[in-house]
Amino acid sequence: MQSSVDLLISDHAEFVSRHAKQYLKRGGILLAGDSHGDATIANSDSDFSFIGVLTRNAGQHQFSNNENESYFKRYKNDMKTTPI
């Protein structure tokens, strides 16, 4: 069962990136929101590569891979990492 899926989705869920990453195939995609910090946690995990941001504005979805650094900038001064 390990490494069996191409896509994991973490939508308003806590720490899918930690607890389910063993099921994600190498090269698979984790689509994670950050409402519970999962995107931030995945970004600090060397098993993941941050590839971009998916946003929605006026009902339109847009993917950008140019915002990688600025997406997490809001956390740089406030974030303390604690193992869970």
PDB file of N, CA and C in Angstrom:
ATOM      1  N   MET A   1       0.816  -1.206   0.000  1.00  0.00           N
ATOM      2  CA  MET A   1       0.000   0.000   0.000  1.00  0.00           C
ATOM      3  C   MET A   1       0.854   1.263   0.000  1.00  0.00           C
ATOM      4  N   GLN A   2       2.074   1.205   0.502  1.00  0.00           N
ATOM      5  CA  GLN A   2       2.917   2.385   0.502  1.00  0.00           C
ATOM      6  C   GLN A   2       3.272   2.797  -0.925  1.00  0.00           C
ATOM      7  N   SER A   3       3.462   4.094  -1.115  1.00  0.00           N
ATOM      8  CA  SER A   3       3.798   4.671  -2.422  1.00  0.00           C
ATOM      9  C   SER A   3       2.809   4.256  -3.498  1.00  0.00           C
ATOM     10  N   SER A   4       1.526   4.403  -3.216  1.00  0.00           N
ATOM     11  CA  SER A   4       0.524   3.908  -4.151  1.00  0.00           C
ATOM     12  C   SER A   4      -0.318   4.989  -4.819  1.00  0.00           C
ATOM     13  N   VAL A   5      -0.196   6.258  -4.403  1.00  0.00           N
ATOM     14  CA  VAL A   5      -1.041   7.298  -4.994  1.00  0.00           C
ATOM     15  C   VAL A   5      -0.190   8.393  -5.642  1.00  0.00           C
ATOM     16  N   ASP A   6      -0.758   9.033  -6.655  1.00  0.00           N
ATOM     17  CA  ASP A   6      -0.080  10.117  -7.369  1.00  0.00           C
ATOM     18  C   ASP A   6      -0.387  11.488  -6.780  1.00  0.00           C
ATOM     19  N   LEU A   7      -1.474  11.587  -6.014  1.00  0.00           N
ATOM     20  CA  LEU A   7      -1.929  12.878  -5.505  1.00  0.00           C
ATOM     21  C   LEU A   7      -2.495  12.720  -4.101  1.00  0.00           C
ATOM     22  N   LEU A   8      -2.024  13.572  -3.190  1.00  0.00           N
ATOM     23  CA  LEU A   8      -2.617  13.701  -1.856  1.00  0.00           C
ATOM     24  C   LEU A   8      -3.193  15.104  -1.767  1.00  0.00           C
ATOM     25  N   ILE A   9      -4.397  15.224  -1.214  1.00  0.00           N
ATOM     26  CA  ILE A   9      -5.026  16.538  -1.055  1.00  0.00           C
ATOM     27  C   ILE A   9      -5.257  16.779   0.425  1.00  0.00           C
ATOM     28  N   SER A  10      -4.736  17.896   0.899  1.00  0.00           N
ATOM     29  CA  SER A  10      -4.921  18.300   2.286  1.00  0.00           C
ATOM     30  C   SER A  10      -5.716  19.595   2.286  1.00  0.00           C
ATOM     31  N   ASP A  11      -7.011  19.492   2.477  1.00  0.00           N
ATOM     32  CA  ASP A  11      -7.896  20.657   2.471  1.00  0.00           C
ATOM     33  C   ASP A  11      -8.543  20.781   3.839  1.00  0.00           C
ATOM     34  N   HIS A  12      -8.117  21.739   4.610  1.00  0.00           N
ATOM     35  CA  HIS A  12      -8.602  21.944   5.975  1.00  0.00           C
ATOM     36  C   HIS A  12      -8.374  20.702   6.837  1.00  0.00           C
ATOM     37  N   ALA A  13      -7.243  20.077   6.622  1.00  0.00           N
ATOM     38  CA  ALA A  13      -6.854  18.903   7.406  1.00  0.00           C
ATOM     39  C   ALA A  13      -5.487  19.184   8.013  1.00  0.00           C
ATOM     40  N   GLU A  14      -5.225  18.559   9.117  1.00  0.00           N
ATOM     41  CA  GLU A  14      -3.956  18.802   9.785  1.00  0.00           C
ATOM     42  C   GLU A  14      -2.925  17.743   9.428  1.00  0.00           C
ATOM     43  N   PHE A  15      -1.790  18.181   8.951  1.00  0.00           N
ATOM     44  CA  PHE A  15      -0.574  17.387   8.831  1.00  0.00           C
ATOM     45  C   PHE A  15      -0.688  16.138   7.960  1.00  0.00           C
ATOM     46  N   VAL A  16      -1.460  16.213   6.889  1.00  0.00           N
ATOM     47  CA  VAL A  16      -1.508  15.139   5.902  1.00  0.00           C
ATOM     48  C   VAL A  16      -0.108  14.887   5.365  1.00  0.00           C
ATOM     49  N   SER A  17       0.654  15.958   5.207  1.00  0.00           N
ATOM     50  CA  SER A  17       2.011  15.831   4.666  1.00  0.00           C
ATOM     51  C   SER A  17       2.884  14.926   5.530  1.00  0.00           C
ATOM     52  N   ARG A  18       2.672  14.905   6.805  1.00  0.00           N
ATOM     53  CA  ARG A  18       3.465  14.041   7.694  1.00  0.00           C
ATOM     54  C   ARG A  18       2.889  12.639   7.805  1.00  0.00           C
ATOM     55  N   HIS A  19       1.592  12.551   7.965  1.00  0.00           N
ATOM     56  CA  HIS A  19       0.981  11.264   8.290  1.00  0.00           C
ATOM     57  C   HIS A  19       0.647  10.396   7.085  1.00  0.00           C
ATOM     58  N   ALA A  20       0.603  10.966   5.897  1.00  0.00           N
ATOM     59  CA  ALA A  20       0.219  10.176   4.719  1.00  0.00           C
ATOM     60  C   ALA A  20       1.257  10.191   3.612  1.00  0.00           C
ATOM     61  N   LYS A  21       2.389  10.854   3.830  1.00  0.00           N
ATOM     62  CA  LYS A  21       3.364  10.969   2.742  1.00  0.00           C
ATOM     63  C   LYS A  21       3.921   9.621   2.309  1.00  0.00           C
ATOM     64  N   GLN A  22       3.896   8.616   3.162  1.00  0.00           N
ATOM     65  CA  GLN A  22       4.400   7.287   2.778  1.00  0.00           C
ATOM     66  C   GLN A  22       3.562   6.662   1.669  1.00  0.00           C
ATOM     67  N   TYR A  23       2.336   7.166   1.463  1.00  0.00           N
ATOM     68  CA  TYR A  23       1.462   6.629   0.421  1.00  0.00           C
ATOM     69  C   TYR A  23       1.644   7.339  -0.924  1.00  0.00           C
ATOM     70  N   LEU A  24       2.380   8.442  -0.920  1.00  0.00           N
ATOM     71  CA  LEU A  24       2.572   9.231  -2.137  1.00  0.00           C
ATOM     72  C   LEU A  24       3.747   8.676  -2.943  1.00  0.00           C
ATOM     73  N   LYS A  25       3.483   8.409  -4.217  1.00  0.00           N
ATOM     74  CA  LYS A  25       4.545   7.918  -5.104  1.00  0.00           C
ATOM     75  C   LYS A  25       5.628   8.981  -5.257  1.00  0.00           C
ATOM     76  N   ARG A  26       6.842   8.542  -5.504  1.00  0.00           N
ATOM     77  CA  ARG A  26       7.933   9.475  -5.789  1.00  0.00           C
ATOM     78  C   ARG A  26       7.551  10.278  -7.038  1.00  0.00           C
ATOM     79  N   GLY A  27       7.647  11.582  -6.953  1.00  0.00           N
ATOM     80  CA  GLY A  27       7.242  12.452  -8.051  1.00  0.00           C
ATOM     81  C   GLY A  27       5.767  12.822  -7.998  1.00  0.00           C
ATOM     82  N   GLY A  28       5.032  12.283  -7.009  1.00  0.00           N
ATOM     83  CA  GLY A  28       3.618  12.612  -6.846  1.00  0.00           C
ATOM     84  C   GLY A  28       3.448  14.028  -6.311  1.00  0.00           C
ATOM     85  N   ILE A  29       2.217  14.462  -6.222  1.00  0.00           N
ATOM     86  CA  ILE A  29       1.917  15.836  -5.815  1.00  0.00           C
ATOM     87  C   ILE A  29       1.090  15.848  -4.539  1.00  0.00           C
ATOM     88  N   LEU A  30       1.510  16.708  -3.613  1.00  0.00           N
ATOM     89  CA  LEU A  30       0.723  17.025  -2.423  1.00  0.00           C
ATOM     90  C   LEU A  30       0.116  18.393  -2.671  1.00  0.00           C
ATOM     91  N   LEU A  31      -1.199  18.467  -2.725  1.00  0.00           N
ATOM     92  CA  LEU A  31      -1.911  19.732  -2.855  1.00  0.00           C
ATOM     93  C   LEU A  31      -2.372  20.096  -1.453  1.00  0.00           C
ATOM     94  N   ALA A  32      -1.732  21.095  -0.861  1.00  0.00           N
ATOM     95  CA  ALA A  32      -1.986  21.400   0.548  1.00  0.00           C
ATOM     96  C   ALA A  32      -2.348  22.860   0.742  1.00  0.00           C
ATOM     97  N   GLY A  33      -3.436  23.079   1.445  1.00  0.00           N
ATOM     98  CA  GLY A  33      -3.779  24.420   1.889  1.00  0.00           C
ATOM     99  C   GLY A  33      -2.991  24.704   3.161  1.00  0.00           C
ATOM    100  N   ASP A  34      -3.022  25.938   3.596  1.00  0.00           N
ATOM    101  CA  ASP A  34      -2.246  26.271   4.789  1.00  0.00           C
ATOM    102  C   ASP A  34      -3.120  26.735   5.938  1.00  0.00           C
ATOM    103  N   SER A  35      -4.418  26.469   5.863  1.00  0.00           N
ATOM    104  CA  SER A  35      -5.301  26.912   6.947  1.00  0.00           C
ATOM    105  C   SER A  35      -4.958  26.234   8.270  1.00  0.00           C
ATOM    106  N   HIS A  36      -4.411  25.046   8.216  1.00  0.00           N
ATOM    107  CA  HIS A  36      -3.971  24.337   9.419  1.00  0.00           C
ATOM    108  C   HIS A  36      -2.460  24.138   9.431  1.00  0.00           C
ATOM    109  N   GLY A  37      -1.749  24.842   8.552  1.00  0.00           N
ATOM    110  CA  GLY A  37      -0.300  24.814   8.541  1.00  0.00           C
ATOM    111  C   GLY A  37       0.339  23.687   7.765  1.00  0.00           C
ATOM    112  N   ASP A  38      -0.447  22.909   7.043  1.00  0.00           N
ATOM    113  CA  ASP A  38       0.125  21.745   6.364  1.00  0.00           C
ATOM    114  C   ASP A  38       1.083  22.131   5.242  1.00  0.00           C
ATOM    115  N   ALA A  39       0.786  23.183   4.504  1.00  0.00           N
ATOM    116  CA  ALA A  39       1.706  23.607   3.439  1.00  0.00           C
ATOM    117  C   ALA A  39       3.025  24.083   4.041  1.00  0.00           C
ATOM    118  N   THR A  40       2.958  24.778   5.167  1.00  0.00           N
ATOM    119  CA  THR A  40       4.169  25.237   5.845  1.00  0.00           C
ATOM    120  C   THR A  40       4.999  24.060   6.332  1.00  0.00           C
ATOM    121  N   ILE A  41       4.350  23.065   6.903  1.00  0.00           N
ATOM    122  CA  ILE A  41       5.066  21.877   7.378  1.00  0.00           C
ATOM    123  C   ILE A  41       5.692  21.127   6.212  1.00  0.00           C
ATOM    124  N   ALA A  42       4.947  20.944   5.141  1.00  0.00           N
ATOM    125  CA  ALA A  42       5.488  20.251   3.968  1.00  0.00           C
ATOM    126  C   ALA A  42       6.664  21.024   3.379  1.00  0.00           C
ATOM    127  N   ASN A  43       6.585  22.348   3.395  1.00  0.00           N
ATOM    128  CA  ASN A  43       7.669  23.169   2.864  1.00  0.00           C
ATOM    129  C   ASN A  43       8.961  22.990   3.666  1.00  0.00           C
ATOM    130  N   SER A  44       8.848  22.654   4.925  1.00  0.00           N
ATOM    131  CA  SER A  44      10.045  22.463   5.755  1.00  0.00           C
ATOM    132  C   SER A  44      10.553  21.018   5.727  1.00  0.00           C
ATOM    133  N   ASP A  45       9.853  20.144   5.018  1.00  0.00           N
ATOM    134  CA  ASP A  45      10.219  18.727   4.922  1.00  0.00           C
ATOM    135  C   ASP A  45      11.007  18.495   3.629  1.00  0.00           C
ATOM    136  N   SER A  46      12.227  18.006   3.745  1.00  0.00           N
ATOM    137  CA  SER A  46      13.076  17.833   2.563  1.00  0.00           C
ATOM    138  C   SER A  46      12.570  16.755   1.602  1.00  0.00           C
ATOM    139  N   ASP A  47      11.590  15.963   2.001  1.00  0.00           N
ATOM    140  CA  ASP A  47      11.000  14.979   1.089  1.00  0.00           C
ATOM    141  C   ASP A  47      10.099  15.630   0.045  1.00  0.00           C
ATOM    142  N   PHE A  48       9.721  16.886   0.274  1.00  0.00           N
ATOM    143  CA  PHE A  48       8.837  17.604  -0.647  1.00  0.00           C
ATOM    144  C   PHE A  48       9.585  18.733  -1.327  1.00  0.00           C
ATOM    145  N   SER A  49       9.177  19.053  -2.550  1.00  0.00           N
ATOM    146  CA  SER A  49       9.679  20.220  -3.269  1.00  0.00           C
ATOM    147  C   SER A  49       8.489  21.132  -3.519  1.00  0.00           C
ATOM    148  N   PHE A  50       8.609  22.370  -3.121  1.00  0.00           N
ATOM    149  CA  PHE A  50       7.531  23.342  -3.308  1.00  0.00           C
ATOM    150  C   PHE A  50       7.529  23.788  -4.761  1.00  0.00           C
ATOM    151  N   ILE A  51       6.412  23.550  -5.458  1.00  0.00           N
ATOM    152  CA  ILE A  51       6.380  23.853  -6.891  1.00  0.00           C
ATOM    153  C   ILE A  51       5.519  25.050  -7.258  1.00  0.00           C
ATOM    154  N   GLY A  52       4.679  25.530  -6.347  1.00  0.00           N
ATOM    155  CA  GLY A  52       3.891  26.699  -6.692  1.00  0.00           C
ATOM    156  C   GLY A  52       2.685  26.911  -5.815  1.00  0.00           C
ATOM    157  N   VAL A  53       1.939  27.925  -6.176  1.00  0.00           N
ATOM    158  CA  VAL A  53       0.760  28.349  -5.424  1.00  0.00           C
ATOM    159  C   VAL A  53      -0.454  28.334  -6.350  1.00  0.00           C
ATOM    160  N   LEU A  54      -1.530  27.758  -5.883  1.00  0.00           N
ATOM    161  CA  LEU A  54      -2.801  27.755  -6.601  1.00  0.00           C
ATOM    162  C   LEU A  54      -3.715  28.752  -5.897  1.00  0.00           C
ATOM    163  N   THR A  55      -4.167  29.756  -6.619  1.00  0.00           N
ATOM    164  CA  THR A  55      -5.037  30.776  -6.033  1.00  0.00           C
ATOM    165  C   THR A  55      -6.364  30.837  -6.785  1.00  0.00           C
ATOM    166  N   ARG A  56      -7.347  31.439  -6.128  1.00  0.00           N
ATOM    167  CA  ARG A  56      -8.644  31.653  -6.767  1.00  0.00           C
ATOM    168  C   ARG A  56      -9.027  33.109  -6.578  1.00  0.00           C
ATOM    169  N   ASN A  57      -9.407  33.738  -7.658  1.00  0.00           N
ATOM    170  CA  ASN A  57      -9.813  35.129  -7.628  1.00  0.00           C
ATOM    171  C   ASN A  57     -10.988  35.292  -8.583  1.00  0.00           C
ATOM    172  N   ALA A  58     -12.088  35.766  -8.073  1.00  0.00           N
ATOM    173  CA  ALA A  58     -13.304  35.976  -8.860  1.00  0.00           C
ATOM    174  C   ALA A  58     -13.730  34.704  -9.579  1.00  0.00           C
ATOM    175  N   GLY A  59     -13.599  33.573  -8.885  1.00  0.00           N
ATOM    176  CA  GLY A  59     -14.037  32.306  -9.445  1.00  0.00           C
ATOM    177  C   GLY A  59     -13.065  31.657 -10.405  1.00  0.00           C
ATOM    178  N   GLN A  60     -11.947  32.305 -10.671  1.00  0.00           N
ATOM    179  CA  GLN A  60     -10.938  31.773 -11.587  1.00  0.00           C
ATOM    180  C   GLN A  60      -9.750  31.237 -10.795  1.00  0.00           C
ATOM    181  N   HIS A  61      -9.274  30.059 -11.170  1.00  0.00           N
ATOM    182  CA  HIS A  61      -8.115  29.465 -10.525  1.00  0.00           C
ATOM    183  C   HIS A  61      -6.862  29.762 -11.352  1.00  0.00           C
ATOM    184  N   GLN A  62      -5.772  30.018 -10.642  1.00  0.00           N
ATOM    185  CA  GLN A  62      -4.518  30.303 -11.320  1.00  0.00           C
ATOM    186  C   GLN A  62      -3.375  29.640 -10.566  1.00  0.00           C
ATOM    187  N   PHE A  63      -2.485  28.989 -11.312  1.00  0.00           N
ATOM    188  CA  PHE A  63      -1.295  28.379 -10.745  1.00  0.00           C
ATOM    189  C   PHE A  63      -0.103  29.275 -11.041  1.00  0.00           C
ATOM    190  N   SER A  64       0.710  29.519 -10.030  1.00  0.00           N
ATOM    191  CA  SER A  64       1.909  30.322 -10.224  1.00  0.00           C
ATOM    192  C   SER A  64       3.089  29.631  -9.558  1.00  0.00           C
ATOM    193  N   ASN A  65       4.179  29.556 -10.266  1.00  0.00           N
ATOM    194  CA  ASN A  65       5.389  29.019  -9.649  1.00  0.00           C
ATOM    195  C   ASN A  65       6.396  30.133  -9.410  1.00  0.00           C
ATOM    196  N   ASN A  66       5.949  31.373  -9.487  1.00  0.00           N
ATOM    197  CA  ASN A  66       6.821  32.526  -9.261  1.00  0.00           C
ATOM    198  C   ASN A  66       6.752  33.045  -7.837  1.00  0.00           C
ATOM    199  N   GLU A  67       5.807  32.568  -7.037  1.00  0.00           N
ATOM    200  CA  GLU A  67       5.567  33.120  -5.709  1.00  0.00           C
ATOM    201  C   GLU A  67       6.114  32.244  -4.590  1.00  0.00           C
ATOM    202  N   ASN A  68       6.958  31.303  -4.900  1.00  0.00           N
ATOM    203  CA  ASN A  68       7.387  30.332  -3.907  1.00  0.00           C
ATOM    204  C   ASN A  68       7.951  30.970  -2.633  1.00  0.00           C
ATOM    205  N   GLU A  69       8.848  31.921  -2.764  1.00  0.00           N
ATOM    206  CA  GLU A  69       9.444  32.548  -1.582  1.00  0.00           C
ATOM    207  C   GLU A  69       8.450  33.456  -0.858  1.00  0.00           C
ATOM    208  N   SER A  70       7.683  34.230  -1.588  1.00  0.00           N
ATOM    209  CA  SER A  70       6.787  35.196  -0.952  1.00  0.00           C
ATOM    210  C   SER A  70       5.609  34.514  -0.246  1.00  0.00           C
ATOM    211  N   TYR A  71       5.232  33.314  -0.684  1.00  0.00           N
ATOM    212  CA  TYR A  71       4.094  32.633  -0.060  1.00  0.00           C
ATOM    213  C   TYR A  71       4.339  32.395   1.424  1.00  0.00           C
ATOM    214  N   PHE A  72       5.531  31.989   1.802  1.00  0.00           N
ATOM    215  CA  PHE A  72       5.830  31.681   3.200  1.00  0.00           C
ATOM    216  C   PHE A  72       6.492  32.832   3.940  1.00  0.00           C
ATOM    217  N   LYS A  73       6.690  33.959   3.282  1.00  0.00           N
ATOM    218  CA  LYS A  73       7.352  35.109   3.904  1.00  0.00           C
ATOM    219  C   LYS A  73       6.623  35.565   5.165  1.00  0.00           C
ATOM    220  N   ARG A  74       5.319  35.439   5.183  1.00  0.00           N
ATOM    221  CA  ARG A  74       4.540  35.897   6.335  1.00  0.00           C
ATOM    222  C   ARG A  74       4.878  35.114   7.594  1.00  0.00           C
ATOM    223  N   TYR A  75       5.467  33.935   7.463  1.00  0.00           N
ATOM    224  CA  TYR A  75       5.775  33.102   8.614  1.00  0.00           C
ATOM    225  C   TYR A  75       7.215  33.218   9.098  1.00  0.00           C
ATOM    226  N   LYS A  76       8.090  33.816   8.315  1.00  0.00           N
ATOM    227  CA  LYS A  76       9.521  33.768   8.617  1.00  0.00           C
ATOM    228  C   LYS A  76       9.861  34.271  10.014  1.00  0.00           C
ATOM    229  N   ASN A  77       9.269  35.342  10.470  1.00  0.00           N
ATOM    230  CA  ASN A  77       9.611  35.894  11.775  1.00  0.00           C
ATOM    231  C   ASN A  77       8.824  35.266  12.914  1.00  0.00           C
ATOM    232  N   ASP A  78       7.677  34.674  12.620  1.00  0.00           N
ATOM    233  CA  ASP A  78       6.805  34.158  13.668  1.00  0.00           C
ATOM    234  C   ASP A  78       6.880  32.651  13.845  1.00  0.00           C
ATOM    235  N   MET A  79       7.386  31.947  12.853  1.00  0.00           N
ATOM    236  CA  MET A  79       7.297  30.486  12.882  1.00  0.00           C
ATOM    237  C   MET A  79       8.358  29.879  13.781  1.00  0.00           C
ATOM    238  N   LYS A  80       7.914  29.006  14.657  1.00  0.00           N
ATOM    239  CA  LYS A  80       8.804  28.187  15.462  1.00  0.00           C
ATOM    240  C   LYS A  80       8.475  26.756  15.113  1.00  0.00           C
ATOM    241  N   THR A  81       9.449  25.974  14.756  1.00  0.00           N
ATOM    242  CA  THR A  81       9.160  24.603  14.379  1.00  0.00           C
ATOM    243  C   THR A  81       9.311  23.695  15.580  1.00  0.00           C
ATOM    244  N   THR A  82       8.320  22.889  15.785  1.00  0.00           N
ATOM    245  CA  THR A  82       8.306  21.926  16.878  1.00  0.00           C
ATOM    246  C   THR A  82       7.920  20.578  16.310  1.00  0.00           C
ATOM    247  N   PRO A  83       8.717  19.555  16.534  1.00  0.00           N
ATOM    248  CA  PRO A  83       8.335  18.213  16.038  1.00  0.00           C
ATOM    249  C   PRO A  83       7.002  17.784  16.625  1.00  0.00           C
ATOM    250  N   ILE A  84       6.222  17.145  15.802  1.00  0.00           N
ATOM    251  CA  ILE A  84       4.905  16.664  16.248  1.00  0.00           C
ATOM    252  C   ILE A  84       4.949  15.169  16.395  1.00  0.00           C
TER     253      ILE A  84
END
